[in-house]
Amino acid sequence: MAELQGLQLKMNELKKHDAAVLAIVVDPTAKNAEVVEHLGLSYPILSDPELQTIDAYDLRHDDGERSIARSATFVIDKEGVVRWRDLTDNFRMRPHPETVVAAVADLSP
């Protein structure tokens, strides 16, 4: 959850670069709404229970009980091209918000 809060703290910087933020998880919409409210996020957490988007980015991880998404962060340009990504098998390791802002800034004219 810290990465979600970290991105929220950088929203003004991201908006300066005309960036939009969203998260995608397998959790139900109602749970995502609770997280958004609890953390005070100004961006959505989308639900992908069928893992369609998660599979499109090859992020499925089966933990023995269920399928979840691997931890990943993407910067996608306005044409839908992935310009930067951070993938990890360790869900505790996420990029620092400053790193994400820098990747977004690199796309700005």
N, C-alpha and C. Protein backbone atom coordinates (compact mmCIF):
# COMPACT_ATOMS: atom_id res chain seq x y z
N MET A 1 0.81 -1.19 0.00
CA MET A 1 0.00 0.00 0.00
C MET A 1 0.86 1.27 0.00
N ALA A 2 2.08 1.13 0.49
CA ALA A 2 2.96 2.29 0.56
C ALA A 2 3.23 2.87 -0.83
N GLU A 3 3.33 1.99 -1.85
CA GLU A 3 3.59 2.50 -3.19
C GLU A 3 2.41 3.31 -3.71
N LEU A 4 1.20 2.91 -3.34
CA LEU A 4 0.01 3.66 -3.74
C LEU A 4 0.01 5.04 -3.09
N GLN A 5 0.34 5.07 -1.82
CA GLN A 5 0.42 6.35 -1.11
C GLN A 5 1.56 7.21 -1.64
N GLY A 6 2.68 6.59 -1.96
CA GLY A 6 3.82 7.32 -2.50
C GLY A 6 3.49 8.00 -3.81
N LEU A 7 2.77 7.30 -4.68
CA LEU A 7 2.37 7.91 -5.95
C LEU A 7 1.37 9.04 -5.71
N GLN A 8 0.49 8.86 -4.73
CA GLN A 8 -0.45 9.92 -4.40
C GLN A 8 0.30 11.19 -3.98
N LEU A 9 1.35 11.03 -3.22
CA LEU A 9 2.13 12.18 -2.77
C LEU A 9 2.83 12.89 -3.93
N LYS A 10 3.01 12.20 -5.04
CA LYS A 10 3.68 12.77 -6.22
C LYS A 10 2.69 13.19 -7.31
N MET A 11 1.39 13.19 -7.00
CA MET A 11 0.39 13.48 -8.02
C MET A 11 0.57 14.85 -8.67
N ASN A 12 0.90 15.87 -7.90
CA ASN A 12 1.08 17.20 -8.50
C ASN A 12 2.20 17.19 -9.53
N GLU A 13 3.31 16.51 -9.20
CA GLU A 13 4.42 16.42 -10.15
C GLU A 13 4.01 15.62 -11.39
N LEU A 14 3.29 14.54 -11.19
CA LEU A 14 2.85 13.72 -12.32
C LEU A 14 1.88 14.48 -13.22
N LYS A 15 0.98 15.24 -12.62
CA LYS A 15 0.01 16.01 -13.40
C LYS A 15 0.70 17.09 -14.22
N LYS A 16 1.83 17.63 -13.74
CA LYS A 16 2.58 18.61 -14.52
C LYS A 16 3.05 18.03 -15.85
N HIS A 17 3.19 16.72 -15.89
CA HIS A 17 3.61 16.02 -17.11
C HIS A 17 2.42 15.39 -17.82
N ASP A 18 1.21 15.80 -17.44
CA ASP A 18 -0.01 15.30 -18.06
C ASP A 18 -0.15 13.79 -17.91
N ALA A 19 0.29 13.27 -16.78
CA ALA A 19 0.24 11.82 -16.53
C ALA A 19 -1.02 11.46 -15.73
N ALA A 20 -1.52 10.29 -16.02
CA ALA A 20 -2.63 9.73 -15.25
C ALA A 20 -2.10 8.50 -14.53
N VAL A 21 -2.62 8.26 -13.34
CA VAL A 21 -2.20 7.11 -12.53
C VAL A 21 -3.41 6.22 -12.31
N LEU A 22 -3.18 4.91 -12.39
CA LEU A 22 -4.20 3.95 -12.00
C LEU A 22 -3.50 2.68 -11.57
N ALA A 23 -4.19 1.90 -10.79
CA ALA A 23 -3.68 0.61 -10.34
C ALA A 23 -4.65 -0.45 -10.82
N ILE A 24 -4.13 -1.63 -11.08
CA ILE A 24 -4.96 -2.76 -11.50
C ILE A 24 -4.60 -3.95 -10.62
N VAL A 25 -5.63 -4.54 -10.02
CA VAL A 25 -5.46 -5.69 -9.13
C VAL A 25 -6.56 -6.70 -9.39
N VAL A 26 -6.42 -7.90 -8.84
CA VAL A 26 -7.45 -8.93 -9.01
C VAL A 26 -8.58 -8.79 -8.00
N ASP A 27 -8.41 -7.95 -7.01
CA ASP A 27 -9.40 -7.81 -5.94
C ASP A 27 -10.72 -7.24 -6.47
N PRO A 28 -11.83 -7.51 -5.76
CA PRO A 28 -13.14 -7.01 -6.17
C PRO A 28 -13.22 -5.48 -6.10
N THR A 29 -14.10 -4.94 -6.89
CA THR A 29 -14.31 -3.49 -6.97
C THR A 29 -14.60 -2.88 -5.61
N ALA A 30 -15.43 -3.53 -4.81
CA ALA A 30 -15.79 -2.98 -3.49
C ALA A 30 -14.56 -2.86 -2.59
N LYS A 31 -13.70 -3.86 -2.62
CA LYS A 31 -12.48 -3.80 -1.81
C LYS A 31 -11.57 -2.67 -2.30
N ASN A 32 -11.47 -2.52 -3.61
CA ASN A 32 -10.65 -1.45 -4.17
C ASN A 32 -11.17 -0.08 -3.77
N ALA A 33 -12.48 0.07 -3.77
CA ALA A 33 -13.08 1.34 -3.35
C ALA A 33 -12.75 1.65 -1.90
N GLU A 34 -12.75 0.63 -1.06
CA GLU A 34 -12.39 0.81 0.35
C GLU A 34 -10.93 1.27 0.48
N VAL A 35 -10.05 0.67 -0.31
CA VAL A 35 -8.64 1.04 -0.26
C VAL A 35 -8.45 2.48 -0.72
N VAL A 36 -9.11 2.85 -1.81
CA VAL A 36 -9.02 4.22 -2.33
C VAL A 36 -9.47 5.21 -1.26
N GLU A 37 -10.59 4.90 -0.62
CA GLU A 37 -11.10 5.81 0.42
C GLU A 37 -10.17 5.83 1.63
N HIS A 38 -9.75 4.66 2.08
CA HIS A 38 -8.89 4.56 3.27
C HIS A 38 -7.57 5.31 3.08
N LEU A 39 -6.99 5.20 1.90
CA LEU A 39 -5.70 5.83 1.63
C LEU A 39 -5.83 7.26 1.10
N GLY A 40 -7.06 7.68 0.80
CA GLY A 40 -7.27 9.02 0.28
C GLY A 40 -6.68 9.21 -1.11
N LEU A 41 -6.80 8.19 -1.95
CA LEU A 41 -6.24 8.26 -3.30
C LEU A 41 -7.14 9.08 -4.23
N SER A 42 -6.52 9.81 -5.11
CA SER A 42 -7.28 10.58 -6.10
C SER A 42 -7.29 9.87 -7.45
N TYR A 43 -6.79 8.66 -7.48
CA TYR A 43 -6.79 7.87 -8.71
C TYR A 43 -7.43 6.52 -8.43
N PRO A 44 -7.91 5.85 -9.48
CA PRO A 44 -8.67 4.61 -9.27
C PRO A 44 -7.77 3.38 -9.13
N ILE A 45 -8.33 2.39 -8.44
CA ILE A 45 -7.78 1.05 -8.45
C ILE A 45 -8.81 0.20 -9.19
N LEU A 46 -8.42 -0.31 -10.34
CA LEU A 46 -9.33 -1.08 -11.18
C LEU A 46 -9.27 -2.55 -10.82
N SER A 47 -10.38 -3.23 -11.01
CA SER A 47 -10.49 -4.64 -10.69
C SER A 47 -10.37 -5.47 -11.97
N ASP A 48 -9.52 -6.49 -11.94
CA ASP A 48 -9.32 -7.38 -13.07
C ASP A 48 -9.42 -8.84 -12.59
N PRO A 49 -10.62 -9.24 -12.13
CA PRO A 49 -10.76 -10.58 -11.56
C PRO A 49 -10.56 -11.70 -12.58
N GLU A 50 -10.75 -11.41 -13.85
CA GLU A 50 -10.55 -12.40 -14.90
C GLU A 50 -9.11 -12.41 -15.40
N LEU A 51 -8.29 -11.50 -14.87
CA LEU A 51 -6.86 -11.39 -15.18
C LEU A 51 -6.59 -11.09 -16.66
N GLN A 52 -7.50 -10.42 -17.33
CA GLN A 52 -7.31 -10.13 -18.75
C GLN A 52 -6.16 -9.15 -18.97
N THR A 53 -6.17 -8.04 -18.25
CA THR A 53 -5.10 -7.06 -18.39
C THR A 53 -3.81 -7.61 -17.80
N ILE A 54 -3.93 -8.27 -16.68
CA ILE A 54 -2.76 -8.85 -16.03
C ILE A 54 -2.08 -9.86 -16.95
N ASP A 55 -2.86 -10.68 -17.65
CA ASP A 55 -2.29 -11.63 -18.60
C ASP A 55 -1.72 -10.92 -19.84
N ALA A 56 -2.36 -9.85 -20.26
CA ALA A 56 -1.87 -9.11 -21.43
C ALA A 56 -0.46 -8.57 -21.21
N TYR A 57 -0.14 -8.27 -19.96
CA TYR A 57 1.19 -7.77 -19.61
C TYR A 57 2.07 -8.86 -19.00
N ASP A 58 1.61 -10.12 -19.07
CA ASP A 58 2.35 -11.29 -18.57
C ASP A 58 2.75 -11.12 -17.11
N LEU A 59 1.77 -10.78 -16.28
CA LEU A 59 2.03 -10.51 -14.87
C LEU A 59 1.39 -11.52 -13.92
N ARG A 60 0.79 -12.58 -14.45
CA ARG A 60 0.11 -13.54 -13.59
C ARG A 60 1.12 -14.29 -12.71
N HIS A 61 0.75 -14.43 -11.44
CA HIS A 61 1.55 -15.21 -10.49
C HIS A 61 0.58 -16.10 -9.73
N ASP A 62 0.82 -17.40 -9.78
CA ASP A 62 0.00 -18.33 -9.02
C ASP A 62 0.70 -18.60 -7.70
N ASP A 63 0.02 -18.26 -6.60
CA ASP A 63 0.65 -18.42 -5.29
C ASP A 63 0.29 -19.75 -4.63
N GLY A 64 -0.29 -20.66 -5.39
CA GLY A 64 -0.68 -21.96 -4.83
C GLY A 64 -2.15 -22.03 -4.49
N GLU A 65 -2.72 -20.90 -4.09
CA GLU A 65 -4.14 -20.85 -3.74
C GLU A 65 -4.96 -20.14 -4.81
N ARG A 66 -4.36 -19.10 -5.40
CA ARG A 66 -5.09 -18.31 -6.39
C ARG A 66 -4.08 -17.58 -7.27
N SER A 67 -4.61 -17.02 -8.34
CA SER A 67 -3.76 -16.23 -9.23
C SER A 67 -3.84 -14.77 -8.81
N ILE A 68 -2.68 -14.14 -8.76
CA ILE A 68 -2.58 -12.73 -8.43
C ILE A 68 -1.66 -12.08 -9.46
N ALA A 69 -1.52 -10.78 -9.38
CA ALA A 69 -0.62 -10.07 -10.29
C ALA A 69 0.75 -9.90 -9.65
N ARG A 70 1.80 -10.09 -10.46
CA ARG A 70 3.15 -9.74 -10.01
C ARG A 70 3.20 -8.24 -9.81
N SER A 71 4.06 -7.81 -8.93
CA SER A 71 4.24 -6.38 -8.71
C SER A 71 4.90 -5.79 -9.95
N ALA A 72 4.29 -4.75 -10.49
CA ALA A 72 4.83 -4.11 -11.69
C ALA A 72 4.36 -2.67 -11.74
N THR A 73 5.19 -1.83 -12.33
CA THR A 73 4.85 -0.44 -12.58
C THR A 73 5.19 -0.15 -14.03
N PHE A 74 4.27 0.47 -14.76
CA PHE A 74 4.48 0.79 -16.16
C PHE A 74 4.27 2.28 -16.38
N VAL A 75 5.04 2.84 -17.30
CA VAL A 75 4.78 4.17 -17.84
C VAL A 75 4.46 3.94 -19.31
N ILE A 76 3.25 4.31 -19.68
CA ILE A 76 2.75 4.08 -21.03
C ILE A 76 2.46 5.43 -21.66
N ASP A 77 2.95 5.63 -22.89
CA ASP A 77 2.74 6.93 -23.53
C ASP A 77 1.32 7.05 -24.09
N LYS A 78 1.01 8.20 -24.65
CA LYS A 78 -0.36 8.46 -25.13
C LYS A 78 -0.76 7.57 -26.30
N GLU A 79 0.21 6.97 -26.96
CA GLU A 79 -0.08 6.05 -28.06
C GLU A 79 -0.24 4.61 -27.57
N GLY A 80 -0.07 4.39 -26.27
CA GLY A 80 -0.23 3.07 -25.69
C GLY A 80 1.03 2.22 -25.70
N VAL A 81 2.17 2.86 -25.96
CA VAL A 81 3.45 2.15 -25.99
C VAL A 81 4.09 2.18 -24.61
N VAL A 82 4.50 1.02 -24.13
CA VAL A 82 5.21 0.94 -22.84
C VAL A 82 6.59 1.56 -23.03
N ARG A 83 6.86 2.63 -22.30
CA ARG A 83 8.14 3.34 -22.40
C ARG A 83 9.08 3.04 -21.25
N TRP A 84 8.53 2.53 -20.15
CA TRP A 84 9.35 2.21 -18.97
C TRP A 84 8.57 1.22 -18.15
N ARG A 85 9.28 0.31 -17.49
CA ARG A 85 8.60 -0.63 -16.60
C ARG A 85 9.54 -1.08 -15.50
N ASP A 86 8.93 -1.48 -14.42
CA ASP A 86 9.64 -2.05 -13.29
C ASP A 86 8.88 -3.30 -12.90
N LEU A 87 9.52 -4.46 -13.04
CA LEU A 87 8.91 -5.74 -12.69
C LEU A 87 9.71 -6.37 -11.57
N THR A 88 9.03 -7.03 -10.68
CA THR A 88 9.74 -7.71 -9.60
C THR A 88 8.97 -8.95 -9.19
N ASP A 89 9.69 -9.94 -8.71
CA ASP A 89 9.06 -11.13 -8.15
C ASP A 89 8.86 -10.97 -6.65
N ASN A 90 9.45 -9.93 -6.07
CA ASN A 90 9.34 -9.66 -4.65
C ASN A 90 8.33 -8.53 -4.44
N PHE A 91 7.15 -8.87 -3.94
CA PHE A 91 6.11 -7.86 -3.80
C PHE A 91 6.48 -6.73 -2.85
N ARG A 92 7.51 -6.93 -2.05
CA ARG A 92 7.95 -5.88 -1.11
C ARG A 92 8.83 -4.83 -1.79
N MET A 93 9.34 -5.16 -2.98
CA MET A 93 10.23 -4.26 -3.70
C MET A 93 9.45 -3.51 -4.78
N ARG A 94 9.33 -2.23 -4.61
CA ARG A 94 8.63 -1.38 -5.58
C ARG A 94 9.51 -0.19 -5.91
N PRO A 95 9.34 0.39 -7.08
CA PRO A 95 10.16 1.56 -7.40
C PRO A 95 9.76 2.74 -6.52
N HIS A 96 10.72 3.58 -6.20
CA HIS A 96 10.43 4.79 -5.45
C HIS A 96 9.59 5.72 -6.32
N PRO A 97 8.67 6.44 -5.74
CA PRO A 97 7.85 7.36 -6.53
C PRO A 97 8.68 8.34 -7.36
N GLU A 98 9.82 8.76 -6.83
CA GLU A 98 10.68 9.68 -7.57
C GLU A 98 11.18 9.04 -8.87
N THR A 99 11.41 7.74 -8.84
CA THR A 99 11.85 7.02 -10.03
C THR A 99 10.75 7.01 -11.08
N VAL A 100 9.51 6.81 -10.64
CA VAL A 100 8.38 6.82 -11.56
C VAL A 100 8.20 8.22 -12.15
N VAL A 101 8.29 9.25 -11.32
CA VAL A 101 8.16 10.63 -11.80
C VAL A 101 9.26 10.92 -12.84
N ALA A 102 10.47 10.47 -12.59
CA ALA A 102 11.56 10.69 -13.53
C ALA A 102 11.30 9.99 -14.87
N ALA A 103 10.74 8.79 -14.82
CA ALA A 103 10.41 8.07 -16.06
C ALA A 103 9.33 8.81 -16.84
N VAL A 104 8.35 9.35 -16.14
CA VAL A 104 7.30 10.13 -16.79
C VAL A 104 7.89 11.43 -17.36
N ALA A 105 8.73 12.09 -16.60
CA ALA A 105 9.33 13.34 -17.05
C ALA A 105 10.16 13.13 -18.31
N ASP A 106 10.78 11.98 -18.45
CA ASP A 106 11.58 11.68 -19.64
C ASP A 106 10.74 11.66 -20.91
N LEU A 107 9.44 11.48 -20.78
CA LEU A 107 8.55 11.45 -21.95
C LEU A 107 8.05 12.84 -22.31
N SER A 108 8.18 13.78 -21.41
CA SER A 108 7.66 15.13 -21.66
C SER A 108 8.51 15.85 -22.71
N PRO A 109 7.85 16.64 -23.57
CA PRO A 109 8.58 17.38 -24.59
C PRO A 109 9.44 18.49 -24.00
